[in-house]
Amino acid sequence: MKKTVLNLSLAIALIIFLLLGVNYGLSMYTHHGEKIPVPDLHGLELDEVKNLLDELELRYEIRDSLFEENMPRNSVLKQDPDTGEFVKEGRIIYLSINNNEVPKVKMPDLTDKNIHQALMILESLGIVPGKIDTTENIAEDAVIEQRHKGKIIRPDTEIPQGSVIDLVIGDGSGGGAPDGEVSVPDLIGSTLGDARIILDAYGLAIGAISSQGKITDSSEATIVSQNPSYEPDTRITKGTAVSLTIQQ
């Protein structure tokens, strides 16, 4: 009886040992639970991406196409999951790639819009503000003409994204304003880069720049306060320096 129990116990122990061995072997073979760090795919072209992900037994899908002038065509601009995140084998990495052709946008109608508003519209469409000239016109700071490559461009004309648009704005002459004086522009909410353009168009200078919090890219920082502050009908002498406070 004791011998039978002993043999049965040994048999059960052997079965358990074999099952554990088989499970361990399968785990080793399939890399069960193994995590793979996602490689940095930014800037790589699709054939390079495929070769790299094939080696890691990962896959990719193109989620959308964007456009950046200074990046190679069909290269990766964004990836999800991002570089360094851990995933399992077979995981799909979603990619945003650089468009093979420069996308086109329709030229907006900026006529009669305030220069501040016009610059925001251009920026939202990926159009680059160029030279800003003034002309005698009672509609001070309002866009009188929009030009592309020296010629007036009509609204809804298709142009490549990144095109440079020059603007002509009114100087307020004819409205009784003293010579050499301009109104104070409203810079709150503008980026520092746009503020430089606006102040230059007004004939004003940038004064002291202070910051709230950490600034990583000053040109893209937002104006949160200005001195002199914006007040309707308030005018200051051309050349006056406007102090700014920025926040990232």
Protein backbone atom coordinates (compact mmCIF):
# COMPACT_ATOMS: atom_id res chain seq x y z
CA MET A 1 0.00 0.00 0.00
CA LYS A 2 2.78 2.40 0.97
CA LYS A 3 4.64 1.51 -2.22
CA THR A 4 1.56 2.27 -4.31
CA VAL A 5 1.09 5.66 -2.65
CA LEU A 6 4.79 6.46 -3.16
CA ASN A 7 4.65 5.51 -6.83
CA LEU A 8 1.48 7.59 -7.29
CA SER A 9 3.12 10.58 -5.61
CA LEU A 10 6.18 10.24 -7.80
CA ALA A 11 4.00 10.03 -10.90
CA ILE A 12 2.08 13.15 -9.93
CA ALA A 13 5.33 15.00 -9.18
CA LEU A 14 6.72 13.95 -12.55
CA ILE A 15 3.60 15.16 -14.36
CA ILE A 16 3.75 18.52 -12.57
CA PHE A 17 7.45 18.82 -13.40
CA LEU A 18 6.80 18.05 -17.06
CA LEU A 19 3.94 20.56 -17.25
CA LEU A 20 6.07 23.27 -15.69
CA GLY A 21 8.89 22.44 -18.07
CA VAL A 22 6.65 22.58 -21.11
CA ASN A 23 5.11 25.88 -19.96
CA TYR A 24 8.57 27.37 -19.36
CA GLY A 25 9.75 26.16 -22.75
CA LEU A 26 6.76 27.69 -24.53
CA SER A 27 7.29 30.96 -22.69
CA MET A 28 10.90 31.03 -23.76
CA TYR A 29 9.98 30.16 -27.33
CA THR A 30 7.22 32.75 -27.66
CA HIS A 31 8.91 35.41 -25.50
CA HIS A 32 5.72 35.44 -23.41
CA GLY A 33 5.29 38.78 -21.65
CA GLU A 34 8.49 40.21 -23.12
CA LYS A 35 8.37 44.01 -23.50
CA ILE A 36 10.08 45.77 -26.40
CA PRO A 37 11.14 49.44 -26.23
CA VAL A 38 9.70 51.36 -29.18
CA PRO A 39 12.55 52.71 -31.34
CA ASP A 40 12.86 56.32 -32.44
CA LEU A 41 11.30 56.47 -35.91
CA HIS A 42 11.24 60.26 -36.33
CA GLY A 43 12.81 61.35 -39.60
CA LEU A 44 13.11 57.81 -40.99
CA GLU A 45 11.66 56.97 -44.40
CA LEU A 46 9.14 54.15 -44.69
CA ASP A 47 11.53 51.50 -46.03
CA GLU A 48 13.85 52.16 -43.06
CA VAL A 49 10.89 51.96 -40.69
CA LYS A 50 9.78 48.61 -42.12
CA ASN A 51 13.25 47.07 -41.84
CA LEU A 52 13.68 48.24 -38.25
CA LEU A 53 10.24 47.15 -37.06
CA ASP A 54 10.52 43.78 -38.83
CA GLU A 55 13.63 43.02 -36.77
CA LEU A 56 11.69 43.78 -33.58
CA GLU A 57 8.58 41.89 -34.78
CA LEU A 58 6.51 45.07 -34.66
CA ARG A 59 4.17 46.48 -37.31
CA TYR A 60 3.17 49.94 -38.47
CA GLU A 61 0.16 51.70 -39.95
CA ILE A 62 0.01 55.20 -41.44
CA ARG A 63 -2.52 57.24 -39.49
CA ASP A 64 -2.34 60.50 -41.46
CA SER A 65 -0.17 62.78 -43.57
CA LEU A 66 1.13 66.17 -42.47
CA PHE A 67 3.61 68.56 -44.04
CA GLU A 68 6.87 70.06 -42.82
CA GLU A 69 9.04 71.92 -45.30
CA ASN A 70 12.36 70.99 -43.72
CA MET A 71 11.74 67.24 -43.36
CA PRO A 72 12.30 64.56 -46.05
CA ARG A 73 9.21 63.52 -47.98
CA ASN A 74 7.53 60.31 -46.73
CA SER A 75 9.49 60.49 -43.47
CA VAL A 76 7.99 59.97 -40.03
CA LEU A 77 6.85 63.14 -38.25
CA LYS A 78 4.99 61.57 -35.32
CA GLN A 79 4.62 58.09 -33.86
CA ASP A 80 2.29 56.43 -31.35
CA PRO A 81 3.40 54.83 -29.02
CA ASP A 82 6.30 57.25 -28.70
CA THR A 83 10.01 56.50 -28.48
CA GLY A 84 11.03 54.49 -25.41
CA GLU A 85 7.57 53.19 -24.50
CA PHE A 86 7.36 49.43 -23.96
CA VAL A 87 5.10 47.22 -26.08
CA LYS A 88 4.64 43.53 -26.84
CA GLU A 89 5.51 41.74 -30.07
CA GLY A 90 3.12 42.34 -32.93
CA ARG A 91 2.07 45.76 -31.63
CA ILE A 92 1.09 48.29 -34.32
CA ILE A 93 2.99 51.58 -34.28
CA TYR A 94 0.82 54.36 -35.74
CA LEU A 95 2.66 56.90 -37.87
CA SER A 96 2.10 60.40 -39.20
CA ILE A 97 4.27 60.92 -42.27
CA ASN A 98 5.43 63.93 -44.22
CA ASN A 99 3.31 64.49 -47.29
CA ASN A 100 5.04 63.81 -50.60
CA GLU A 101 3.65 67.04 -52.07
CA VAL A 102 3.31 70.50 -50.60
CA PRO A 103 -0.39 70.83 -49.62
CA LYS A 104 -2.31 73.78 -50.97
CA VAL A 105 -4.57 76.14 -49.03
CA LYS A 106 -7.05 78.78 -50.14
CA MET A 107 -6.00 82.37 -49.64
CA PRO A 108 -8.32 83.98 -47.07
CA ASP A 109 -9.92 87.39 -47.52
CA LEU A 110 -8.02 89.63 -45.11
CA THR A 111 -9.32 92.94 -46.49
CA ASP A 112 -10.56 95.30 -43.76
CA LYS A 113 -9.40 92.93 -41.02
CA ASN A 114 -7.17 94.25 -38.24
CA ILE A 115 -3.51 93.35 -38.74
CA HIS A 116 -3.51 91.35 -35.51
CA GLN A 117 -6.45 89.23 -36.66
CA ALA A 118 -4.97 88.88 -40.17
CA LEU A 119 -1.69 87.51 -38.83
CA MET A 120 -3.51 84.96 -36.69
CA ILE A 121 -5.51 83.78 -39.72
CA LEU A 122 -2.35 83.39 -41.83
CA GLU A 123 -0.60 81.46 -39.07
CA SER A 124 -3.56 79.09 -38.64
CA LEU A 125 -3.38 78.20 -42.35
CA GLY A 126 0.37 77.71 -42.43
CA ILE A 127 0.90 80.85 -44.54
CA VAL A 128 3.94 82.97 -43.71
CA PRO A 129 3.45 86.72 -43.10
CA GLY A 130 5.92 88.72 -45.17
CA LYS A 131 6.54 92.44 -45.43
CA ILE A 132 3.99 94.80 -43.91
CA ASP A 133 3.74 98.24 -45.54
CA THR A 134 1.48 101.16 -44.70
CA THR A 135 -0.48 103.42 -47.00
CA GLU A 136 -2.53 106.56 -46.51
CA ASN A 137 -5.94 105.36 -45.45
CA ILE A 138 -8.32 106.32 -42.68
CA ALA A 139 -8.78 102.62 -41.77
CA GLU A 140 -5.78 102.48 -39.45
CA ASP A 141 -4.19 99.03 -38.99
CA ALA A 142 -6.74 97.44 -41.31
CA VAL A 143 -5.56 95.36 -44.25
CA ILE A 144 -5.96 97.27 -47.51
CA GLU A 145 -4.17 94.85 -49.85
CA GLN A 146 -2.80 91.30 -49.72
CA ARG A 147 0.02 90.41 -52.09
CA HIS A 148 1.83 87.26 -53.21
CA LYS A 149 5.12 87.62 -55.08
CA GLY A 150 4.44 91.31 -55.61
CA LYS A 151 0.95 90.90 -57.08
CA ILE A 152 -2.45 91.31 -55.46
CA ILE A 153 -3.87 87.89 -54.64
CA ARG A 154 -7.60 87.30 -54.64
CA PRO A 155 -9.41 85.38 -51.89
CA ASP A 156 -9.87 81.63 -52.49
CA THR A 157 -6.80 81.47 -54.77
CA GLU A 158 -4.99 78.18 -54.07
CA ILE A 159 -1.38 78.64 -52.95
CA PRO A 160 1.19 76.19 -51.49
CA GLN A 161 1.26 76.04 -47.72
CA GLY A 162 4.25 78.04 -46.50
CA SER A 163 3.80 80.77 -49.13
CA VAL A 164 4.80 84.29 -48.09
CA ILE A 165 2.04 86.92 -48.14
CA ASP A 166 2.84 90.64 -47.94
CA LEU A 167 0.25 92.99 -46.46
CA VAL A 168 -0.53 96.68 -46.90
CA ILE A 169 -2.36 98.31 -44.00
CA GLY A 170 -3.89 101.75 -43.45
CA ASP A 171 -1.92 104.35 -41.49
CA GLY A 172 -4.96 106.21 -40.14
CA SER A 173 -4.24 109.39 -42.07
CA GLY A 174 -7.27 111.53 -42.71
CA GLY A 175 -8.75 110.81 -39.31
CA GLY A 176 -7.31 113.81 -37.53
CA ALA A 177 -4.50 111.88 -35.80
CA PRO A 178 -1.42 113.97 -34.91
CA ASP A 179 1.58 113.27 -37.12
CA GLY A 180 4.02 110.81 -35.59
CA GLU A 181 1.46 109.14 -33.34
CA VAL A 182 -0.08 105.67 -33.58
CA SER A 183 -2.64 103.74 -31.59
CA VAL A 184 -1.50 101.12 -29.09
CA PRO A 185 -1.94 97.63 -30.59
CA ASP A 186 -3.59 94.86 -28.58
CA LEU A 187 -0.86 92.22 -28.26
CA ILE A 188 -2.44 90.02 -25.56
CA GLY A 189 -2.68 86.43 -26.83
CA SER A 190 -0.22 86.94 -29.67
CA THR A 191 3.05 85.04 -29.84
CA LEU A 192 6.24 86.99 -29.31
CA GLY A 193 7.12 86.38 -32.96
CA ASP A 194 3.83 87.90 -34.14
CA ALA A 195 4.19 90.78 -31.67
CA ARG A 196 7.49 91.75 -33.27
CA ILE A 197 5.80 91.92 -36.68
CA ILE A 198 2.84 93.91 -35.37
CA LEU A 199 4.99 96.42 -33.48
CA ASP A 200 7.19 96.88 -36.53
CA ALA A 201 4.10 97.59 -38.63
CA TYR A 202 3.00 100.22 -36.10
CA GLY A 203 6.45 101.82 -36.05
CA LEU A 204 6.92 100.82 -32.40
CA ALA A 205 9.78 99.01 -30.71
CA ILE A 206 9.95 96.04 -28.34
CA GLY A 207 10.99 97.09 -24.85
CA ALA A 208 11.88 94.92 -21.88
CA ILE A 209 10.67 91.32 -22.07
CA SER A 210 9.91 89.49 -18.82
CA SER A 211 8.60 85.96 -18.40
CA GLN A 212 6.23 84.00 -16.22
CA GLY A 213 7.45 80.45 -15.68
CA LYS A 214 9.90 78.48 -17.80
CA ILE A 215 10.28 79.51 -21.45
CA THR A 216 11.47 76.85 -23.92
CA ASP A 217 10.80 78.72 -27.17
CA SER A 218 10.51 82.47 -26.78
CA SER A 219 9.23 83.11 -30.32
CA GLU A 220 6.23 80.84 -29.64
CA ALA A 221 5.61 82.18 -26.12
CA THR A 222 2.33 84.04 -25.60
CA ILE A 223 1.99 87.68 -24.57
CA VAL A 224 0.10 87.89 -21.25
CA SER A 225 0.60 91.59 -20.49
CA GLN A 226 1.98 94.72 -22.13
CA ASN A 227 2.99 98.26 -21.18
CA PRO A 228 1.64 100.62 -22.44
CA SER A 229 -1.57 98.58 -22.28
CA TYR A 230 -4.14 98.55 -25.05
CA GLU A 231 -6.92 101.10 -24.72
CA PRO A 232 -9.25 102.20 -27.52
CA ASP A 233 -8.30 105.60 -28.94
CA THR A 234 -5.08 105.78 -26.90
CA ARG A 235 -2.17 106.99 -29.03
CA ILE A 236 1.57 107.01 -28.44
CA THR A 237 4.54 108.41 -30.31
CA LYS A 238 6.09 106.26 -33.04
CA GLY A 239 9.29 104.63 -31.85
CA THR A 240 7.96 104.11 -28.33
CA ALA A 241 9.11 100.85 -26.74
CA VAL A 242 6.41 98.45 -25.58
CA SER A 243 7.37 96.19 -22.67
CA LEU A 244 6.01 92.65 -22.78
CA THR A 245 5.46 89.75 -20.41
CA ILE A 246 5.44 86.29 -21.98
CA GLN A 247 4.38 82.83 -20.86
CA GLN A 248 4.94 79.43 -22.51
